Amino acid sequence: MPYVNKPRPYKKEYQQQLARGEHDNRMERQRARRAVDKRDTGLETEESPKRKGKDIAHRVALSKGGSNKDGYFIQSEAGNRSFKRNSSGALVSEVSKRERRK
């Protein structure tokens, strides 16, 4: 519990996210999720039954410069999160271990 004696600095955290570029990628992911929900249910506020327990995967990873315009699709959590990463956690390869074995 890092903020026991003082309040959490939400504004500072938000400014750090903006500086690192995390905010833009998070908003891009959120727009993709809402588009899938709206397509399947007609409402942006209700989660699609097809998306329950799954992720929205981008054809070109957002960390590699991709966007929603490049395309996105529904994929299992394991398939979307199993990409090879380096020691700092950055994406090394967009081909999962399962796909490399095929």
C-alpha atoms as a PDB file:
ATOM      1  CA  MET A   1       0.000   0.000   0.000  1.00  0.00           C
ATOM      2  CA  PRO A   2       2.111   2.891  -1.235  1.00  0.00           C
ATOM      3  CA  TYR A   3      -0.312   5.750  -0.438  1.00  0.00           C
ATOM      4  CA  VAL A   4      -1.086   5.204   3.242  1.00  0.00           C
ATOM      5  CA  ASN A   5      -0.353   8.696   4.575  1.00  0.00           C
ATOM      6  CA  LYS A   6      -1.235  10.780   1.509  1.00  0.00           C
ATOM      7  CA  PRO A   7      -3.823  10.693  -1.271  1.00  0.00           C
ATOM      8  CA  ARG A   8      -3.024   9.022  -4.576  1.00  0.00           C
ATOM      9  CA  PRO A   9      -1.821  11.574  -7.199  1.00  0.00           C
ATOM     10  CA  TYR A  10      -4.269  10.750 -10.012  1.00  0.00           C
ATOM     11  CA  LYS A  11      -3.460  13.890 -12.006  1.00  0.00           C
ATOM     12  CA  LYS A  12       0.252  13.120 -11.921  1.00  0.00           C
ATOM     13  CA  GLU A  13      -0.344   9.513 -13.006  1.00  0.00           C
ATOM     14  CA  TYR A  14      -2.541  10.690 -15.887  1.00  0.00           C
ATOM     15  CA  GLN A  15       0.103  13.173 -17.050  1.00  0.00           C
ATOM     16  CA  GLN A  16       2.724  10.396 -16.958  1.00  0.00           C
ATOM     17  CA  GLN A  17       0.466   8.165 -19.091  1.00  0.00           C
ATOM     18  CA  LEU A  18       0.077  10.968 -21.619  1.00  0.00           C
ATOM     19  CA  ALA A  19       3.836  11.544 -21.722  1.00  0.00           C
ATOM     20  CA  ARG A  20       4.534   7.836 -22.309  1.00  0.00           C
ATOM     21  CA  GLY A  21       1.837   7.537 -24.991  1.00  0.00           C
ATOM     22  CA  GLU A  22      -0.112   4.915 -23.039  1.00  0.00           C
ATOM     23  CA  HIS A  23      -3.293   6.979 -23.058  1.00  0.00           C
ATOM     24  CA  ASP A  24      -3.672   6.911 -26.860  1.00  0.00           C
ATOM     25  CA  ASN A  25      -3.261   3.124 -27.045  1.00  0.00           C
ATOM     26  CA  ARG A  26      -5.745   2.589 -24.216  1.00  0.00           C
ATOM     27  CA  MET A  27      -8.308   4.773 -25.973  1.00  0.00           C
ATOM     28  CA  GLU A  28      -7.727   2.883 -29.249  1.00  0.00           C
ATOM     29  CA  ARG A  29      -8.367  -0.434 -27.469  1.00  0.00           C
ATOM     30  CA  GLN A  30     -11.492   0.975 -25.845  1.00  0.00           C
ATOM     31  CA  ARG A  31     -12.847   2.208 -29.205  1.00  0.00           C
ATOM     32  CA  ALA A  32     -12.314  -1.266 -30.697  1.00  0.00           C
ATOM     33  CA  ARG A  33     -14.145  -2.957 -27.792  1.00  0.00           C
ATOM     34  CA  ARG A  34     -17.058  -0.524 -28.076  1.00  0.00           C
ATOM     35  CA  ALA A  35     -17.286  -1.026 -31.847  1.00  0.00           C
ATOM     36  CA  VAL A  36     -17.513  -4.817 -31.423  1.00  0.00           C
ATOM     37  CA  ASP A  37     -20.120  -4.449 -28.679  1.00  0.00           C
ATOM     38  CA  LYS A  38     -22.183  -2.036 -30.766  1.00  0.00           C
ATOM     39  CA  ARG A  39     -21.999  -4.304 -33.814  1.00  0.00           C
ATOM     40  CA  ASP A  40     -23.179  -7.378 -31.874  1.00  0.00           C
ATOM     41  CA  THR A  41     -25.687  -5.896 -29.407  1.00  0.00           C
ATOM     42  CA  GLY A  42     -26.557  -2.498 -30.851  1.00  0.00           C
ATOM     43  CA  LEU A  43     -25.441  -0.857 -27.585  1.00  0.00           C
ATOM     44  CA  GLU A  44     -21.994   0.425 -26.654  1.00  0.00           C
ATOM     45  CA  THR A  45     -22.704  -0.011 -22.951  1.00  0.00           C
ATOM     46  CA  GLU A  46     -23.516  -3.733 -23.054  1.00  0.00           C
ATOM     47  CA  GLU A  47     -20.788  -6.346 -23.543  1.00  0.00           C
ATOM     48  CA  SER A  48     -21.208  -8.603 -26.547  1.00  0.00           C
ATOM     49  CA  PRO A  49     -21.862 -12.286 -25.710  1.00  0.00           C
ATOM     50  CA  LYS A  50     -19.263 -13.205 -28.367  1.00  0.00           C
ATOM     51  CA  ARG A  51     -16.636 -11.116 -26.546  1.00  0.00           C
ATOM     52  CA  LYS A  52     -17.255 -12.562 -23.079  1.00  0.00           C
ATOM     53  CA  GLY A  53     -13.930 -13.932 -21.776  1.00  0.00           C
ATOM     54  CA  LYS A  54     -12.071 -12.917 -24.935  1.00  0.00           C
ATOM     55  CA  ASP A  55      -9.791 -10.107 -26.083  1.00  0.00           C
ATOM     56  CA  ILE A  56      -9.846  -7.751 -29.033  1.00  0.00           C
ATOM     57  CA  ALA A  57      -6.647  -8.435 -30.975  1.00  0.00           C
ATOM     58  CA  HIS A  58      -5.193  -5.961 -33.460  1.00  0.00           C
ATOM     59  CA  ARG A  59      -3.696  -7.250 -36.724  1.00  0.00           C
ATOM     60  CA  VAL A  60      -0.747  -4.894 -36.152  1.00  0.00           C
ATOM     61  CA  ALA A  61       0.018  -4.486 -32.453  1.00  0.00           C
ATOM     62  CA  LEU A  62      -0.583  -1.001 -31.079  1.00  0.00           C
ATOM     63  CA  SER A  63       2.901  -1.074 -29.558  1.00  0.00           C
ATOM     64  CA  LYS A  64       4.249  -1.655 -33.091  1.00  0.00           C
ATOM     65  CA  GLY A  65       2.410   1.339 -34.535  1.00  0.00           C
ATOM     66  CA  GLY A  66      -0.864  -0.354 -35.453  1.00  0.00           C
ATOM     67  CA  SER A  67      -4.349   1.107 -35.158  1.00  0.00           C
ATOM     68  CA  ASN A  68      -7.993   0.128 -35.472  1.00  0.00           C
ATOM     69  CA  LYS A  69      -7.808   1.040 -39.176  1.00  0.00           C
ATOM     70  CA  ASP A  70      -5.381  -1.861 -39.687  1.00  0.00           C
ATOM     71  CA  GLY A  71      -8.038  -4.240 -38.399  1.00  0.00           C
ATOM     72  CA  TYR A  72      -8.986  -6.063 -35.222  1.00  0.00           C
ATOM     73  CA  PHE A  73     -10.740  -9.296 -34.328  1.00  0.00           C
ATOM     74  CA  ILE A  74     -11.957 -11.314 -31.349  1.00  0.00           C
ATOM     75  CA  GLN A  75      -9.375 -13.765 -30.023  1.00  0.00           C
ATOM     76  CA  SER A  76      -8.967 -15.903 -26.912  1.00  0.00           C
ATOM     77  CA  GLU A  77      -7.042 -14.376 -24.019  1.00  0.00           C
ATOM     78  CA  ALA A  78      -4.338 -17.040 -24.235  1.00  0.00           C
ATOM     79  CA  GLY A  79      -3.847 -16.506 -27.954  1.00  0.00           C
ATOM     80  CA  ASN A  80      -3.706 -12.733 -27.683  1.00  0.00           C
ATOM     81  CA  ARG A  81      -1.325 -12.619 -24.700  1.00  0.00           C
ATOM     82  CA  SER A  82       1.150 -15.332 -25.663  1.00  0.00           C
ATOM     83  CA  PHE A  83       3.493 -13.299 -27.841  1.00  0.00           C
ATOM     84  CA  LYS A  84       7.223 -13.387 -27.311  1.00  0.00           C
ATOM     85  CA  ARG A  85       8.474 -10.479 -25.182  1.00  0.00           C
ATOM     86  CA  ASN A  86      11.900  -9.227 -24.122  1.00  0.00           C
ATOM     87  CA  SER A  87      13.084  -8.616 -20.562  1.00  0.00           C
ATOM     88  CA  SER A  88      11.434  -5.182 -20.401  1.00  0.00           C
ATOM     89  CA  GLY A  89       8.085  -6.625 -21.508  1.00  0.00           C
ATOM     90  CA  ALA A  90       8.098  -5.117 -25.000  1.00  0.00           C
ATOM     91  CA  LEU A  91       6.698  -7.168 -27.851  1.00  0.00           C
ATOM     92  CA  VAL A  92       9.398  -8.984 -29.841  1.00  0.00           C
ATOM     93  CA  SER A  93       7.342 -11.097 -32.244  1.00  0.00           C
ATOM     94  CA  GLU A  94       3.711 -10.887 -33.347  1.00  0.00           C
ATOM     95  CA  VAL A  95       3.645 -14.626 -34.027  1.00  0.00           C
ATOM     96  CA  SER A  96       2.586 -16.677 -31.003  1.00  0.00           C
ATOM     97  CA  LYS A  97       4.335 -19.877 -29.931  1.00  0.00           C
ATOM     98  CA  ARG A  98       1.352 -21.925 -31.103  1.00  0.00           C
ATOM     99  CA  GLU A  99       1.457 -20.374 -34.571  1.00  0.00           C
ATOM    100  CA  ARG A 100       5.209 -20.960 -34.889  1.00  0.00           C
ATOM    101  CA  ARG A 101       4.731 -24.682 -34.207  1.00  0.00           C
ATOM    102  CA  LYS A 102       2.288 -25.090 -37.119  1.00  0.00           C
END
